[in-house]
N, C-alpha and C. Protein backbone atom coordinates (compact mmCIF):
# COMPACT_ATOMS: atom_id res chain seq x y z
N UNK A 1 0.84 -1.19 0.00
CA UNK A 1 0.00 0.00 0.00
C UNK A 1 0.88 1.24 0.00
N UNK A 2 0.35 2.28 -0.60
CA UNK A 2 1.13 3.49 -0.78
C UNK A 2 0.20 4.70 -0.87
N UNK A 3 0.76 5.85 -0.61
CA UNK A 3 0.12 7.12 -0.93
C UNK A 3 0.72 7.52 -2.26
N UNK A 4 -0.09 7.92 -3.22
CA UNK A 4 0.40 8.34 -4.53
C UNK A 4 0.18 9.83 -4.66
N UNK A 5 1.21 10.54 -5.13
CA UNK A 5 1.10 11.98 -5.32
C UNK A 5 1.57 12.34 -6.73
N UNK A 6 0.80 13.21 -7.38
CA UNK A 6 1.21 13.75 -8.67
C UNK A 6 2.08 14.96 -8.40
N UNK A 7 3.28 14.98 -8.99
CA UNK A 7 4.22 16.06 -8.70
C UNK A 7 4.61 16.81 -9.96
N UNK A 8 4.51 18.12 -9.88
CA UNK A 8 5.07 19.05 -10.86
C UNK A 8 5.82 20.11 -10.06
N UNK A 9 6.87 20.70 -10.62
CA UNK A 9 7.66 21.68 -9.86
C UNK A 9 6.97 23.05 -9.79
N UNK A 10 5.88 23.11 -9.07
CA UNK A 10 5.12 24.34 -8.86
C UNK A 10 4.78 24.42 -7.38
N UNK A 11 4.31 25.57 -6.92
CA UNK A 11 3.87 25.63 -5.51
C UNK A 11 2.81 24.58 -5.20
N UNK A 12 1.90 24.34 -6.13
CA UNK A 12 0.85 23.33 -5.91
C UNK A 12 1.45 21.93 -5.81
N UNK A 13 2.43 21.64 -6.67
CA UNK A 13 3.08 20.33 -6.63
C UNK A 13 3.85 20.11 -5.34
N UNK A 14 4.56 21.15 -4.89
CA UNK A 14 5.30 21.02 -3.63
C UNK A 14 4.36 20.88 -2.44
N UNK A 15 3.25 21.61 -2.45
CA UNK A 15 2.27 21.49 -1.35
C UNK A 15 1.67 20.08 -1.34
N UNK A 16 1.35 19.55 -2.51
CA UNK A 16 0.80 18.19 -2.59
C UNK A 16 1.82 17.18 -2.07
N UNK A 17 3.09 17.36 -2.41
CA UNK A 17 4.13 16.44 -1.94
C UNK A 17 4.28 16.49 -0.43
N UNK A 18 4.27 17.69 0.15
CA UNK A 18 4.37 17.81 1.62
C UNK A 18 3.20 17.11 2.32
N UNK A 19 1.99 17.33 1.81
CA UNK A 19 0.82 16.72 2.44
C UNK A 19 0.83 15.21 2.24
N UNK A 20 1.22 14.77 1.05
CA UNK A 20 1.28 13.33 0.79
C UNK A 20 2.30 12.65 1.70
N UNK A 21 3.44 13.30 1.91
CA UNK A 21 4.46 12.73 2.81
C UNK A 21 3.92 12.64 4.22
N UNK A 22 3.23 13.68 4.68
CA UNK A 22 2.65 13.65 6.03
C UNK A 22 1.61 12.54 6.15
N UNK A 23 0.80 12.35 5.12
CA UNK A 23 -0.21 11.27 5.13
C UNK A 23 0.46 9.91 5.17
N UNK A 24 1.53 9.74 4.39
CA UNK A 24 2.23 8.45 4.36
C UNK A 24 2.83 8.13 5.73
N UNK A 25 3.44 9.13 6.37
CA UNK A 25 4.00 8.92 7.70
C UNK A 25 2.88 8.58 8.68
N UNK A 26 1.79 9.33 8.63
CA UNK A 26 0.66 9.11 9.53
C UNK A 26 0.08 7.70 9.39
N UNK A 27 -0.02 7.23 8.15
CA UNK A 27 -0.61 5.91 7.88
C UNK A 27 0.39 4.77 7.92
N UNK A 28 1.69 5.11 8.00
CA UNK A 28 2.72 4.07 8.05
C UNK A 28 2.86 3.32 6.74
N UNK A 29 2.71 4.03 5.62
CA UNK A 29 2.85 3.41 4.30
C UNK A 29 3.90 4.16 3.50
N UNK A 30 4.26 3.61 2.35
CA UNK A 30 5.25 4.26 1.50
C UNK A 30 4.61 5.36 0.66
N UNK A 31 5.46 6.12 0.01
CA UNK A 31 5.00 7.22 -0.85
C UNK A 31 5.48 6.95 -2.27
N UNK A 32 4.57 7.06 -3.21
CA UNK A 32 4.92 6.93 -4.62
C UNK A 32 4.69 8.29 -5.28
N UNK A 33 5.77 8.89 -5.77
CA UNK A 33 5.71 10.19 -6.41
C UNK A 33 5.66 9.97 -7.92
N UNK A 34 4.61 10.49 -8.54
CA UNK A 34 4.46 10.36 -9.99
C UNK A 34 4.84 11.70 -10.61
N UNK A 35 5.92 11.71 -11.30
CA UNK A 35 6.40 12.92 -11.98
C UNK A 35 5.51 13.14 -13.20
N UNK A 36 4.75 14.21 -13.18
CA UNK A 36 3.80 14.43 -14.26
C UNK A 36 4.21 15.62 -15.12
N UNK A 37 3.71 15.63 -16.32
CA UNK A 37 3.91 16.74 -17.25
C UNK A 37 2.74 16.72 -18.23
N UNK A 38 2.64 17.76 -19.00
CA UNK A 38 1.52 17.87 -19.93
C UNK A 38 1.59 16.80 -21.01
N UNK A 39 0.42 16.43 -21.51
CA UNK A 39 0.32 15.42 -22.56
C UNK A 39 1.13 15.86 -23.78
N UNK A 40 1.94 14.93 -24.27
CA UNK A 40 2.72 15.19 -25.47
C UNK A 40 3.85 16.19 -25.29
N UNK A 41 4.09 16.63 -24.06
CA UNK A 41 5.13 17.63 -23.83
C UNK A 41 6.38 16.92 -23.32
N UNK A 42 7.34 16.75 -24.18
CA UNK A 42 8.62 16.17 -23.77
C UNK A 42 9.49 17.29 -23.21
N UNK A 43 10.12 17.04 -22.11
CA UNK A 43 10.99 18.05 -21.51
C UNK A 43 12.29 18.17 -22.29
N UNK A 44 12.69 19.41 -22.56
CA UNK A 44 14.00 19.65 -23.16
C UNK A 44 15.04 19.24 -22.12
N UNK A 45 16.27 18.88 -22.54
CA UNK A 45 17.27 18.42 -21.57
C UNK A 45 17.47 19.38 -20.40
N UNK A 46 17.58 20.68 -20.67
CA UNK A 46 17.77 21.64 -19.58
C UNK A 46 16.55 21.69 -18.67
N UNK A 47 15.38 21.64 -19.26
CA UNK A 47 14.13 21.63 -18.50
C UNK A 47 14.06 20.37 -17.63
N UNK A 48 14.47 19.24 -18.19
CA UNK A 48 14.48 17.98 -17.46
C UNK A 48 15.42 18.02 -16.27
N UNK A 49 16.60 18.61 -16.46
CA UNK A 49 17.56 18.73 -15.35
C UNK A 49 16.99 19.62 -14.24
N UNK A 50 16.35 20.73 -14.63
CA UNK A 50 15.74 21.62 -13.65
C UNK A 50 14.63 20.90 -12.89
N UNK A 51 13.84 20.13 -13.62
CA UNK A 51 12.76 19.35 -13.00
C UNK A 51 13.34 18.38 -11.99
N UNK A 52 14.38 17.64 -12.38
CA UNK A 52 15.00 16.66 -11.49
C UNK A 52 15.61 17.31 -10.26
N UNK A 53 16.24 18.47 -10.44
CA UNK A 53 16.83 19.18 -9.31
C UNK A 53 15.75 19.63 -8.34
N UNK A 54 14.66 20.19 -8.88
CA UNK A 54 13.56 20.64 -8.04
C UNK A 54 12.94 19.46 -7.28
N UNK A 55 12.77 18.34 -7.96
CA UNK A 55 12.20 17.15 -7.32
C UNK A 55 13.13 16.64 -6.23
N UNK A 56 14.43 16.59 -6.50
CA UNK A 56 15.39 16.12 -5.49
C UNK A 56 15.36 17.03 -4.27
N UNK A 57 15.28 18.35 -4.49
CA UNK A 57 15.20 19.29 -3.37
C UNK A 57 13.93 19.07 -2.55
N UNK A 58 12.82 18.81 -3.25
CA UNK A 58 11.55 18.60 -2.56
C UNK A 58 11.55 17.28 -1.78
N UNK A 59 12.26 16.26 -2.30
CA UNK A 59 12.28 14.95 -1.65
C UNK A 59 13.31 14.85 -0.52
N UNK A 60 14.28 15.74 -0.48
CA UNK A 60 15.36 15.66 0.51
C UNK A 60 14.85 15.54 1.95
N UNK A 61 13.87 16.34 2.38
CA UNK A 61 13.40 16.22 3.77
C UNK A 61 12.73 14.87 4.07
N UNK A 62 12.29 14.16 3.04
CA UNK A 62 11.60 12.89 3.29
C UNK A 62 12.55 11.85 3.88
N UNK A 63 13.82 11.91 3.49
CA UNK A 63 14.80 10.98 4.03
C UNK A 63 14.95 11.13 5.53
N UNK A 64 14.84 12.36 6.01
CA UNK A 64 14.95 12.63 7.45
C UNK A 64 13.78 12.02 8.22
N UNK A 65 12.65 11.84 7.56
CA UNK A 65 11.47 11.28 8.21
C UNK A 65 11.47 9.75 8.17
N UNK A 66 12.45 9.16 7.49
CA UNK A 66 12.50 7.72 7.36
C UNK A 66 11.39 7.19 6.47
N UNK A 67 10.91 8.03 5.59
CA UNK A 67 9.79 7.66 4.73
C UNK A 67 10.30 6.93 3.49
N UNK A 68 9.81 5.72 3.30
CA UNK A 68 10.15 4.96 2.10
C UNK A 68 9.40 5.56 0.93
N UNK A 69 10.12 5.86 -0.15
CA UNK A 69 9.46 6.45 -1.31
C UNK A 69 10.14 6.04 -2.60
N UNK A 70 9.37 6.14 -3.67
CA UNK A 70 9.90 5.90 -5.01
C UNK A 70 9.34 6.97 -5.94
N UNK A 71 10.07 7.23 -7.01
CA UNK A 71 9.64 8.21 -8.00
C UNK A 71 9.39 7.47 -9.30
N UNK A 72 8.22 7.72 -9.87
CA UNK A 72 7.88 7.15 -11.17
C UNK A 72 7.78 8.28 -12.18
N UNK A 73 8.33 8.06 -13.35
CA UNK A 73 8.26 9.04 -14.43
C UNK A 73 7.67 8.36 -15.65
N UNK A 74 6.34 8.25 -15.70
CA UNK A 74 5.71 7.57 -16.84
C UNK A 74 6.08 8.24 -18.16
N UNK A 75 6.24 7.43 -19.17
CA UNK A 75 6.55 7.94 -20.50
C UNK A 75 5.42 7.57 -21.44
N UNK A 76 5.37 8.26 -22.54
CA UNK A 76 4.33 7.98 -23.52
C UNK A 76 3.37 9.14 -23.65
N UNK A 77 2.31 8.90 -24.37
CA UNK A 77 1.39 9.98 -24.71
C UNK A 77 0.21 10.11 -23.75
N UNK A 78 0.13 9.24 -22.76
CA UNK A 78 -1.01 9.32 -21.83
C UNK A 78 -0.99 10.65 -21.10
N UNK A 79 -2.17 11.16 -20.78
CA UNK A 79 -2.20 12.43 -20.06
C UNK A 79 -1.87 12.20 -18.59
N UNK A 80 -1.53 13.26 -17.86
CA UNK A 80 -1.09 13.11 -16.47
C UNK A 80 -2.11 12.39 -15.59
N UNK A 81 -3.40 12.65 -15.79
CA UNK A 81 -4.40 11.99 -14.96
C UNK A 81 -4.42 10.49 -15.21
N UNK A 82 -4.28 10.07 -16.47
CA UNK A 82 -4.24 8.64 -16.77
C UNK A 82 -3.03 7.98 -16.14
N UNK A 83 -1.87 8.67 -16.21
CA UNK A 83 -0.66 8.13 -15.58
C UNK A 83 -0.84 7.98 -14.07
N UNK A 84 -1.40 8.98 -13.44
CA UNK A 84 -1.59 8.97 -11.99
C UNK A 84 -2.53 7.84 -11.59
N UNK A 85 -3.63 7.70 -12.29
CA UNK A 85 -4.61 6.65 -12.00
C UNK A 85 -3.99 5.27 -12.22
N UNK A 86 -3.23 5.11 -13.31
CA UNK A 86 -2.61 3.82 -13.60
C UNK A 86 -1.62 3.42 -12.50
N UNK A 87 -0.81 4.37 -12.04
CA UNK A 87 0.15 4.07 -10.97
C UNK A 87 -0.60 3.76 -9.68
N UNK A 88 -1.66 4.50 -9.38
CA UNK A 88 -2.45 4.25 -8.17
C UNK A 88 -3.03 2.84 -8.18
N UNK A 89 -3.53 2.42 -9.33
CA UNK A 89 -4.08 1.06 -9.44
C UNK A 89 -2.98 0.02 -9.27
N UNK A 90 -1.83 0.28 -9.88
CA UNK A 90 -0.71 -0.67 -9.83
C UNK A 90 -0.18 -0.88 -8.41
N UNK A 91 -0.06 0.19 -7.64
CA UNK A 91 0.53 0.07 -6.30
C UNK A 91 -0.53 -0.12 -5.21
N UNK A 92 -1.80 -0.16 -5.57
CA UNK A 92 -2.85 -0.31 -4.57
C UNK A 92 -2.92 0.90 -3.65
N UNK A 93 -2.97 2.07 -4.24
CA UNK A 93 -2.94 3.32 -3.46
C UNK A 93 -4.07 3.40 -2.46
N UNK A 94 -3.75 3.90 -1.27
CA UNK A 94 -4.79 4.17 -0.26
C UNK A 94 -5.42 5.52 -0.52
N UNK A 95 -4.60 6.47 -1.02
CA UNK A 95 -5.05 7.84 -1.31
C UNK A 95 -4.19 8.38 -2.44
N UNK A 96 -4.80 9.20 -3.29
CA UNK A 96 -4.05 9.98 -4.29
C UNK A 96 -4.10 11.43 -3.81
N UNK A 97 -2.95 12.10 -3.84
CA UNK A 97 -2.89 13.51 -3.47
C UNK A 97 -2.54 14.32 -4.71
N UNK A 98 -3.34 15.35 -4.97
CA UNK A 98 -3.08 16.23 -6.11
C UNK A 98 -3.07 17.68 -5.64
N UNK A 99 -2.35 18.51 -6.35
CA UNK A 99 -2.33 19.94 -6.05
C UNK A 99 -3.30 20.67 -6.95
N UNK A 100 -3.97 21.66 -6.40
CA UNK A 100 -4.89 22.49 -7.17
C UNK A 100 -4.42 23.93 -7.11
N UNK A 101 -4.62 24.64 -8.20
CA UNK A 101 -4.25 26.06 -8.19
C UNK A 101 -5.49 26.91 -8.05
N UNK A 102 -5.27 28.10 -7.60
CA UNK A 102 -6.36 29.06 -7.45
C UNK A 102 -6.89 29.42 -8.83
N UNK A 103 -8.19 29.58 -8.92
CA UNK A 103 -8.82 29.86 -10.21
C UNK A 103 -9.57 31.19 -10.16
N UNK A 104 -9.77 31.74 -11.33
CA UNK A 104 -10.55 32.97 -11.45
C UNK A 104 -12.02 32.65 -11.20
N UNK A 105 -12.85 33.68 -11.14
CA UNK A 105 -14.28 33.47 -10.91
C UNK A 105 -14.88 32.56 -11.98
N UNK A 106 -14.53 32.79 -13.23
CA UNK A 106 -15.03 31.94 -14.32
C UNK A 106 -14.41 30.55 -14.22
N UNK A 107 -13.12 30.49 -13.91
CA UNK A 107 -12.43 29.21 -13.80
C UNK A 107 -12.97 28.33 -12.69
N UNK A 108 -13.60 28.93 -11.69
CA UNK A 108 -14.16 28.16 -10.59
C UNK A 108 -15.35 27.31 -11.02
N UNK A 109 -15.93 27.63 -12.16
CA UNK A 109 -17.03 26.81 -12.67
C UNK A 109 -16.55 25.43 -13.07
N UNK A 110 -15.26 25.34 -13.40
CA UNK A 110 -14.69 24.08 -13.87
C UNK A 110 -13.39 23.80 -13.14
N UNK A 111 -13.19 22.56 -12.77
CA UNK A 111 -11.87 22.15 -12.29
C UNK A 111 -11.00 21.95 -13.52
N UNK A 112 -9.71 21.91 -13.34
CA UNK A 112 -8.85 21.54 -14.46
C UNK A 112 -9.23 20.14 -14.92
N UNK A 113 -9.08 19.87 -16.19
CA UNK A 113 -9.52 18.58 -16.73
C UNK A 113 -8.77 17.42 -16.08
N UNK A 114 -7.47 17.59 -15.78
CA UNK A 114 -6.73 16.51 -15.13
C UNK A 114 -7.24 16.27 -13.72
N UNK A 115 -7.44 17.33 -12.96
CA UNK A 115 -7.95 17.18 -11.60
C UNK A 115 -9.33 16.54 -11.61
N UNK A 116 -10.17 16.98 -12.51
CA UNK A 116 -11.53 16.42 -12.59
C UNK A 116 -11.49 14.93 -12.92
N UNK A 117 -10.65 14.57 -13.87
CA UNK A 117 -10.57 13.15 -14.25
C UNK A 117 -10.08 12.30 -13.07
N UNK A 118 -9.06 12.79 -12.35
CA UNK A 118 -8.56 12.03 -11.20
C UNK A 118 -9.66 11.89 -10.16
N UNK A 119 -10.34 12.99 -9.85
CA UNK A 119 -11.41 12.94 -8.84
C UNK A 119 -12.52 11.96 -9.23
N UNK A 120 -12.86 11.92 -10.50
CA UNK A 120 -13.97 11.07 -10.94
C UNK A 120 -13.58 9.63 -11.19
N UNK A 121 -12.34 9.38 -11.64
CA UNK A 121 -11.96 8.04 -12.07
C UNK A 121 -11.00 7.30 -11.14
N UNK A 122 -10.56 7.93 -10.08
CA UNK A 122 -9.57 7.30 -9.19
C UNK A 122 -10.15 6.06 -8.52
N UNK A 123 -9.30 5.06 -8.29
CA UNK A 123 -9.74 3.84 -7.63
C UNK A 123 -9.75 3.94 -6.10
N UNK A 124 -9.46 5.14 -5.59
CA UNK A 124 -9.35 5.34 -4.14
C UNK A 124 -9.70 6.79 -3.83
N UNK A 125 -9.76 7.16 -2.56
CA UNK A 125 -10.02 8.56 -2.22
C UNK A 125 -8.94 9.48 -2.78
N UNK A 126 -9.34 10.73 -3.06
CA UNK A 126 -8.42 11.74 -3.58
C UNK A 126 -8.41 12.92 -2.61
N UNK A 127 -7.21 13.36 -2.26
CA UNK A 127 -7.04 14.53 -1.41
C UNK A 127 -6.50 15.65 -2.29
N UNK A 128 -7.28 16.72 -2.43
CA UNK A 128 -6.87 17.86 -3.24
C UNK A 128 -6.31 18.94 -2.33
N UNK A 129 -5.13 19.45 -2.66
CA UNK A 129 -4.40 20.39 -1.81
C UNK A 129 -4.18 21.69 -2.57
N UNK A 130 -4.46 22.81 -1.90
CA UNK A 130 -4.13 24.11 -2.46
C UNK A 130 -2.80 24.56 -1.88
N UNK A 131 -2.02 25.26 -2.68
CA UNK A 131 -0.74 25.79 -2.20
C UNK A 131 -1.01 27.02 -1.34
N UNK A 132 -0.58 26.95 -0.09
CA UNK A 132 -0.70 28.09 0.80
C UNK A 132 0.57 28.17 1.62
N UNK A 133 0.73 29.27 2.28
CA UNK A 133 1.90 29.44 3.16
C UNK A 133 1.88 28.43 4.30
N UNK A 134 0.68 27.98 4.67
CA UNK A 134 0.56 27.11 5.85
C UNK A 134 0.29 25.65 5.47
N UNK A 135 0.57 25.26 4.22
CA UNK A 135 0.34 23.87 3.84
C UNK A 135 1.15 22.97 4.76
N UNK A 136 0.54 22.13 5.47
CA UNK A 136 1.08 21.20 6.47
C UNK A 136 2.56 21.27 6.48
């Protein structure tokens, strides 16, 4: 069993990772970090290195907590929500954690398509996290 978190190098991604790590420690399970990116968007080498550095920085405190974790970087044309759901099914996720960004008044009528798909199609509960100064 594992907590699965979708990670992108944004404030929302870092907030989701912090909350997912706290949940994994609380539940005594491992953490599976799914490195996500936009559909069909291959990272340029420099962009990829920046992504990896940001992810390593975000994961560094997890070692201090004794939290067992792995990073998955799905490849192919599947969209981020499909990748996240597939990994959650594969590892028997107890919870999926995703980051949400603040939306405009019009944007509040709709969730992002990836977030909506995860919420509707996930095989387990989904915890949606907003990036704030006080995120766990």
